[in-house]
Amino acid sequence: MRYRFLTISPKGEHVPVSIKLDFLATNNAAEYEACLLGLRSAISLNIKKLVVHGDSSLVINQITGSWKIKSNSLAPYQAKIEELDMYFEEIHYIHLPREENQFADALSKLAALVNIPDHIDSMPLCVERRSAPSYINEINGTEEDEIESWYTSILKFKDTGEYPDNLDARGKRELRMLSTLFVEANGGQLYKKTVQGVLLRCIDQKTADKVMEEVHDGECGPHMNAHLLTRKIMRLGYYWTTMEADC
């Protein structure tokens, strides 16, 4: 059984999530699971005003109180949703016809097709729009040495507990959460810790470009897609946040 949800910010940023359930559940229970996870994700991001769109008329009408819950197995879900609703200043539940919910349906099909190994809890999905070819990566009027590395803020926070001056409360919270995924070792070098406990060395964009070029120019390199190239670089012990998109 799989379920999915999509978070959309006021600025139009999309954060898709598709999840497989490793326990028996009805379709209605899966819809409730998706709703609960979406609410928890919104709470973790300190969102106070939320509009929830769902393509299950039964679940939406039960949540809003328009229909009574007759199934004892679904009643605990309703109680938990009412508990989480208290975290929001404003929340609305709206039924969305399934034909208008194409993105979520695509996520559901993807979760059904992908076989996630038992030792991996999640597999990230990145969907980006590019307005120019990938080889156009020069920054006009700026020396590369003057560009701050993507991990500078993380490393500084782990060293001193200080935040960048331009961060608001939400940004500070995200930085604290992000910093827990990294460890500092070998005299100030930052490493990304994988779920298997492997440490991947964090590198800046200039070094990353060289690594991608060398690995792709190697044996069988031209036949690798972005996902395989990323996995090979990680096996070599390197990491940066946009590596799959860059590959």
Protein backbone atom coordinates (compact mmCIF):
# COMPACT_ATOMS: atom_id res chain seq x y z
CA MET A 1 0.00 0.00 0.00
CA ARG A 2 1.29 3.46 -0.82
CA TYR A 3 0.12 7.02 -0.24
CA ARG A 4 1.37 10.45 -1.18
CA PHE A 5 1.01 14.15 -0.47
CA LEU A 6 2.25 17.39 -1.97
CA THR A 7 3.07 20.54 0.01
CA ILE A 8 2.84 23.84 -1.90
CA SER A 9 4.11 27.08 -0.37
CA PRO A 10 2.49 30.50 -1.00
CA LYS A 11 5.38 31.17 -3.41
CA GLY A 12 4.53 28.05 -5.45
CA GLU A 13 7.38 25.84 -4.19
CA HIS A 14 6.42 22.13 -4.43
CA VAL A 15 7.59 19.49 -1.95
CA PRO A 16 6.32 16.04 -3.06
CA VAL A 17 6.35 12.98 -0.79
CA SER A 18 5.33 9.42 -1.67
CA ILE A 19 5.35 6.69 0.98
CA LYS A 20 4.93 2.93 1.09
CA LEU A 21 3.16 1.27 4.01
CA ASP A 22 4.75 -1.94 5.27
CA PHE A 23 1.56 -2.96 7.06
CA LEU A 24 -1.91 -3.92 5.85
CA ALA A 25 -4.20 -0.94 5.41
CA THR A 26 -7.37 -0.10 3.51
CA ASN A 27 -7.44 2.64 0.89
CA ASN A 28 -9.26 4.92 3.31
CA ALA A 29 -6.69 4.26 6.04
CA ALA A 30 -3.92 5.14 3.58
CA GLU A 31 -5.67 8.44 2.81
CA TYR A 32 -5.78 9.20 6.54
CA GLU A 33 -2.09 8.28 6.87
CA ALA A 34 -1.25 10.74 4.09
CA CYS A 35 -3.28 13.47 5.76
CA LEU A 36 -1.61 12.91 9.14
CA LEU A 37 1.89 12.94 7.68
CA GLY A 38 1.10 16.11 5.75
CA LEU A 39 -0.14 17.79 8.94
CA ARG A 40 2.96 16.72 10.88
CA SER A 41 5.20 18.02 8.10
CA ALA A 42 3.41 21.38 8.14
CA ILE A 43 3.74 21.57 11.93
CA SER A 44 7.47 20.81 11.74
CA LEU A 45 7.83 23.76 9.34
CA ASN A 46 5.94 26.01 11.78
CA ILE A 47 3.13 26.59 9.27
CA LYS A 48 0.14 28.27 10.91
CA LYS A 49 -2.31 28.62 8.02
CA LEU A 50 -3.01 25.54 5.90
CA VAL A 51 -5.42 24.45 3.17
CA VAL A 52 -5.66 20.66 2.79
CA HIS A 53 -6.87 19.30 -0.56
CA GLY A 54 -7.82 15.61 -0.73
CA ASP A 55 -9.28 13.54 -3.56
CA SER A 56 -11.15 11.16 -1.23
CA SER A 57 -14.62 12.60 -0.68
CA LEU A 58 -15.22 10.11 2.16
CA VAL A 59 -12.15 11.14 4.14
CA ILE A 60 -12.61 14.89 3.57
CA ASN A 61 -16.28 14.76 4.56
CA GLN A 62 -15.50 12.69 7.64
CA ILE A 63 -12.75 15.09 8.73
CA THR A 64 -15.01 18.13 8.30
CA GLY A 65 -17.84 16.39 10.17
CA SER A 66 -20.21 16.29 7.20
CA TRP A 67 -20.29 12.50 7.36
CA LYS A 68 -20.19 10.26 10.41
CA ILE A 69 -17.40 7.70 10.83
CA LYS A 70 -18.93 4.23 10.96
CA SER A 71 -15.65 2.26 10.90
CA ASN A 72 -13.99 1.68 14.25
CA SER A 73 -10.60 1.38 12.52
CA LEU A 74 -10.86 4.93 11.13
CA ALA A 75 -12.08 6.63 14.33
CA PRO A 76 -8.56 6.89 15.87
CA TYR A 77 -7.35 8.67 12.74
CA GLN A 78 -10.09 11.27 13.12
CA ALA A 79 -9.17 11.82 16.77
CA LYS A 80 -5.50 12.32 15.89
CA ILE A 81 -6.33 14.78 13.12
CA GLU A 82 -8.46 16.84 15.52
CA GLU A 83 -5.49 16.87 17.93
CA LEU A 84 -3.07 18.12 15.25
CA ASP A 85 -5.55 20.73 13.99
CA MET A 86 -5.02 22.59 17.27
CA TYR A 87 -1.49 23.52 16.15
CA PHE A 88 -2.83 25.71 13.33
CA GLU A 89 -4.32 29.18 13.53
CA GLU A 90 -6.37 28.45 10.43
CA ILE A 91 -6.95 25.18 8.58
CA HIS A 92 -9.41 24.21 5.84
CA TYR A 93 -10.18 20.83 4.23
CA ILE A 94 -11.34 20.87 0.60
CA HIS A 95 -12.27 17.99 -1.68
CA LEU A 96 -10.23 17.94 -4.90
CA PRO A 97 -11.48 15.77 -7.82
CA ARG A 98 -9.05 13.00 -8.66
CA GLU A 99 -8.63 14.20 -12.25
CA GLU A 100 -7.28 17.49 -10.86
CA ASN A 101 -4.81 15.69 -8.61
CA GLN A 102 -2.41 14.44 -11.30
CA PHE A 103 0.82 15.21 -9.42
CA ALA A 104 -0.19 13.12 -6.40
CA ASP A 105 -1.34 10.27 -8.63
CA ALA A 106 2.06 10.30 -10.38
CA LEU A 107 3.76 10.05 -6.98
CA SER A 108 1.56 7.10 -6.06
CA LYS A 109 2.49 5.25 -9.26
CA LEU A 110 6.17 6.01 -8.67
CA ALA A 111 6.04 4.56 -5.15
CA ALA A 112 4.44 1.40 -6.55
CA LEU A 113 7.16 0.96 -9.18
CA VAL A 114 10.22 1.69 -7.03
CA ASN A 115 11.62 -1.10 -4.86
CA ILE A 116 13.11 0.53 -1.75
CA PRO A 117 15.67 -1.74 0.02
CA ASP A 118 14.91 -2.61 3.64
CA HIS A 119 17.95 -0.74 4.98
CA ILE A 120 16.93 2.56 3.35
CA ASP A 121 14.19 4.67 4.95
CA SER A 122 13.77 7.18 2.14
CA MET A 123 14.79 7.95 -1.44
CA PRO A 124 14.78 11.66 -2.39
CA LEU A 125 13.05 12.93 -5.50
CA CYS A 126 14.17 16.18 -7.11
CA VAL A 127 12.15 17.83 -9.91
CA GLU A 128 13.67 21.05 -11.25
CA ARG A 129 13.08 23.48 -14.08
CA ARG A 130 16.20 24.65 -15.95
CA SER A 131 16.17 27.80 -18.10
CA ALA A 132 19.66 27.25 -19.56
CA PRO A 133 21.97 24.34 -20.44
CA SER A 134 23.89 22.80 -17.51
CA TYR A 135 27.26 23.82 -18.91
CA ILE A 136 26.38 27.49 -18.37
CA ASN A 137 27.60 27.70 -14.79
CA GLU A 138 29.81 30.78 -14.72
CA ILE A 139 29.00 33.65 -12.36
CA ASN A 140 29.77 36.91 -14.08
CA GLY A 141 31.80 39.48 -12.19
CA THR A 142 32.54 37.19 -9.21
CA GLU A 143 35.74 35.32 -8.46
CA GLU A 144 35.14 31.66 -7.52
CA ASP A 145 37.31 32.03 -4.42
CA GLU A 146 34.93 34.71 -3.11
CA ILE A 147 31.85 32.45 -3.31
CA GLU A 148 30.85 31.04 0.06
CA SER A 149 30.55 27.24 0.16
CA TRP A 150 27.07 25.79 0.67
CA TYR A 151 28.14 24.20 3.96
CA THR A 152 29.76 27.28 5.53
CA SER A 153 26.69 28.14 7.61
CA ILE A 154 26.34 24.54 8.81
CA LEU A 155 30.00 24.32 9.81
CA LYS A 156 29.91 27.67 11.60
CA PHE A 157 26.75 26.71 13.49
CA LYS A 158 28.28 23.42 14.63
CA ASP A 159 31.44 25.25 15.75
CA THR A 160 29.97 28.31 17.46
CA GLY A 161 26.19 27.92 17.52
CA GLU A 162 25.89 31.20 15.59
CA TYR A 163 23.35 31.84 12.83
CA PRO A 164 23.82 33.86 9.63
CA ASP A 165 22.54 37.43 10.02
CA ASN A 166 19.90 37.11 7.30
CA LEU A 167 18.03 34.11 8.81
CA ASP A 168 14.55 34.50 10.29
CA ALA A 169 13.13 32.19 12.99
CA ARG A 170 12.05 29.58 10.44
CA GLY A 171 15.45 29.61 8.74
CA LYS A 172 17.21 29.18 12.06
CA ARG A 173 15.04 26.18 12.87
CA GLU A 174 15.79 24.59 9.48
CA LEU A 175 19.52 25.16 10.00
CA ARG A 176 19.39 23.44 13.41
CA MET A 177 17.59 20.45 11.89
CA LEU A 178 19.95 20.31 8.91
CA SER A 179 23.06 20.45 11.10
CA THR A 180 22.07 17.19 12.83
CA LEU A 181 22.70 15.34 9.54
CA PHE A 182 26.37 16.33 9.48
CA VAL A 183 29.42 15.67 11.63
CA GLU A 184 32.74 17.52 11.93
CA ALA A 185 36.00 15.56 11.91
CA ASN A 186 39.63 15.64 10.78
CA GLY A 187 40.40 19.16 11.87
CA GLY A 188 37.25 20.97 10.83
CA GLN A 189 36.21 18.98 7.74
CA LEU A 190 32.42 18.54 7.44
CA TYR A 191 30.94 15.13 6.58
CA LYS A 192 27.42 13.97 5.69
CA LYS A 193 26.41 10.91 7.70
CA THR A 194 24.31 8.39 5.74
CA VAL A 195 21.68 6.09 7.27
CA GLN A 196 24.28 3.28 7.04
CA GLY A 197 26.70 5.33 9.15
CA VAL A 198 29.06 6.08 6.26
CA LEU A 199 30.70 9.52 6.29
CA LEU A 200 30.75 11.42 2.99
CA ARG A 201 33.12 14.37 2.66
CA CYS A 202 31.33 17.65 1.90
CA ILE A 203 32.90 19.51 -1.02
CA ASP A 204 32.32 22.93 -2.57
CA GLN A 205 30.92 23.52 -6.05
CA LYS A 206 34.33 24.01 -7.68
CA THR A 207 35.56 20.65 -6.39
CA ALA A 208 32.23 19.02 -7.22
CA ASP A 209 32.52 20.09 -10.87
CA LYS A 210 35.93 18.44 -11.09
CA VAL A 211 34.70 15.23 -9.43
CA MET A 212 31.70 14.97 -11.79
CA GLU A 213 33.92 15.53 -14.82
CA GLU A 214 36.52 12.95 -13.77
CA VAL A 215 33.96 10.28 -12.84
CA HIS A 216 31.90 10.83 -16.00
CA ASP A 217 35.00 10.71 -18.19
CA GLY A 218 35.99 7.36 -16.67
CA GLU A 219 35.16 3.89 -17.91
CA CYS A 220 31.44 3.52 -18.80
CA GLY A 221 30.89 7.11 -17.64
CA PRO A 222 29.02 8.34 -20.74
CA HIS A 223 26.47 5.53 -20.28
CA MET A 224 25.51 6.56 -16.73
CA ASN A 225 22.38 8.55 -16.03
CA ALA A 226 22.25 11.20 -13.30
CA HIS A 227 21.12 8.78 -10.60
CA LEU A 228 23.89 6.25 -11.27
CA LEU A 229 26.52 8.98 -11.51
CA THR A 230 25.40 10.36 -8.15
CA ARG A 231 25.57 6.91 -6.53
CA LYS A 232 29.06 6.33 -7.91
CA ILE A 233 30.31 9.67 -6.56
CA MET A 234 28.82 8.86 -3.16
CA ARG A 235 30.58 5.49 -3.20
CA LEU A 236 33.82 7.42 -3.72
CA GLY A 237 33.00 9.31 -0.51
CA TYR A 238 31.87 12.75 -1.69
CA TYR A 239 28.70 14.76 -1.04
CA TRP A 240 27.09 18.13 -1.78
CA THR A 241 23.44 19.13 -1.49
CA THR A 242 22.60 19.52 -5.20
CA MET A 243 24.64 16.59 -6.48
CA GLU A 244 21.84 14.66 -8.20
CA ALA A 245 20.46 17.75 -9.92
CA ASP A 246 23.99 18.77 -10.98
CA CYS A 247 24.74 15.29 -12.32
